[in-house]
Amino acid sequence: MSFIEVAKTSEITNGKMKGVMLGGKDILITNVDGKYYAIGGKCTHAGGDLSKGVLNGKIVRCPRHGSKFDVTTGKLAGGPAAKDELKFEIKVEGASIKVNI
């Protein structure tokens, strides 16, 4: 396993998100109720940048066509997308947020 630091905890406070590029993959890092999650950062429908969308609780809405994804699981929560987002393993060490790609 190769966990790579993508952000500091101070950068992604509760209810916030950040898009990162890691190993050629767009990844969305979110903080929901103090717990961090990582899913694919480009909408599976038309490639919208999810980091520019809206996070409401644990659901992120794509800014392009409104597809919704559960950031805790990557599961599709509303179309027009038809595919889930990839989910990435994440861990926090001290103030460092790391993702396993």
Protein backbone atom coordinates (compact mmCIF):
# COMPACT_ATOMS: atom_id res chain seq x y z
CA MET A 1 0.00 0.00 0.00
CA SER A 2 1.19 3.44 -0.86
CA PHE A 3 -0.47 6.24 1.10
CA ILE A 4 0.44 9.68 -0.22
CA GLU A 5 -0.21 12.97 1.57
CA VAL A 6 -2.79 15.08 -0.27
CA ALA A 7 -3.71 17.77 2.26
CA LYS A 8 -3.53 18.95 5.84
CA THR A 9 -6.59 18.62 8.08
CA SER A 10 -6.67 22.41 8.47
CA GLU A 11 -7.29 22.73 4.70
CA ILE A 12 -10.49 20.67 4.71
CA THR A 13 -12.66 21.59 7.68
CA ASN A 14 -16.03 20.02 8.46
CA GLY A 15 -18.44 20.24 5.52
CA LYS A 16 -15.70 21.23 3.07
CA MET A 17 -14.01 19.46 0.16
CA LYS A 18 -10.92 19.70 -1.99
CA GLY A 19 -10.00 18.27 -5.39
CA VAL A 20 -6.52 16.83 -5.86
CA MET A 21 -4.64 15.08 -8.67
CA LEU A 22 -2.80 11.98 -7.53
CA GLY A 23 -1.15 9.39 -9.74
CA GLY A 24 -2.97 10.78 -12.78
CA LYS A 25 -6.35 10.47 -11.03
CA ASP A 26 -8.71 13.25 -10.02
CA ILE A 27 -9.73 12.65 -6.41
CA LEU A 28 -12.24 14.47 -4.22
CA ILE A 29 -11.39 14.70 -0.51
CA THR A 30 -14.26 15.59 1.81
CA ASN A 31 -14.78 16.13 5.52
CA VAL A 32 -18.17 14.94 6.79
CA ASP A 33 -18.70 15.33 10.54
CA GLY A 34 -14.95 15.29 11.17
CA LYS A 35 -14.26 12.14 9.14
CA TYR A 36 -12.40 12.25 5.83
CA TYR A 37 -13.40 10.45 2.63
CA ALA A 38 -11.90 10.13 -0.85
CA ILE A 39 -13.80 9.32 -4.06
CA GLY A 40 -13.25 9.95 -7.76
CA GLY A 41 -13.19 13.66 -8.49
CA LYS A 42 -14.70 13.69 -12.00
CA CYS A 43 -18.39 12.93 -12.48
CA THR A 44 -18.98 9.56 -14.13
CA HIS A 45 -21.63 11.16 -16.36
CA ALA A 46 -19.82 13.94 -18.22
CA GLY A 47 -16.59 14.54 -16.31
CA GLY A 48 -17.72 17.52 -14.23
CA ASP A 49 -15.28 18.61 -11.52
CA LEU A 50 -16.97 17.49 -8.29
CA SER A 51 -14.78 19.81 -6.20
CA LYS A 52 -16.65 22.70 -7.84
CA GLY A 53 -20.00 21.15 -6.92
CA VAL A 54 -22.06 21.45 -3.74
CA LEU A 55 -21.57 19.25 -0.67
CA ASN A 56 -24.75 18.81 1.37
CA GLY A 57 -24.18 16.45 4.27
CA LYS A 58 -22.61 13.38 2.69
CA ILE A 59 -23.95 14.04 -0.82
CA VAL A 60 -21.97 15.96 -3.45
CA ARG A 61 -23.83 17.37 -6.47
CA CYS A 62 -22.00 17.76 -9.77
CA PRO A 63 -21.98 21.35 -11.06
CA ARG A 64 -22.56 20.29 -14.69
CA HIS A 65 -25.75 18.24 -14.77
CA GLY A 66 -26.63 17.64 -11.12
CA SER A 67 -25.63 14.00 -10.62
CA LYS A 68 -25.26 13.17 -6.93
CA PHE A 69 -22.83 10.87 -5.16
CA ASP A 70 -22.47 9.70 -1.55
CA VAL A 71 -18.95 10.79 -0.62
CA THR A 72 -18.71 8.15 2.13
CA THR A 73 -19.18 5.25 -0.31
CA GLY A 74 -18.86 6.63 -3.85
CA LYS A 75 -22.35 5.27 -4.61
CA LEU A 76 -24.58 7.11 -7.07
CA ALA A 77 -27.37 8.96 -5.26
CA GLY A 78 -29.06 10.54 -8.30
CA GLY A 79 -28.66 10.76 -12.09
CA PRO A 80 -28.15 11.48 -14.88
CA ALA A 81 -24.93 9.57 -14.12
CA ALA A 82 -25.32 5.78 -14.21
CA LYS A 83 -22.04 4.70 -12.54
CA ASP A 84 -20.70 5.00 -9.01
CA GLU A 85 -17.50 6.87 -8.23
CA LEU A 86 -14.37 4.98 -7.22
CA LYS A 87 -13.72 5.06 -3.49
CA PHE A 88 -10.16 5.40 -2.22
CA GLU A 89 -8.75 4.35 1.13
CA ILE A 90 -7.84 7.32 3.29
CA LYS A 91 -6.10 7.80 6.61
CA VAL A 92 -5.15 10.69 8.84
CA GLU A 93 -1.79 10.77 10.60
CA GLY A 94 -1.50 13.76 12.88
CA ALA A 95 -2.49 16.72 10.66
CA SER A 96 -1.73 14.86 7.42
CA ILE A 97 -4.48 13.44 5.17
CA LYS A 98 -3.21 10.55 3.06
CA VAL A 99 -4.83 8.59 0.23
CA ASN A 100 -3.96 5.13 -1.04
CA ILE A 101 -4.06 4.98 -4.84
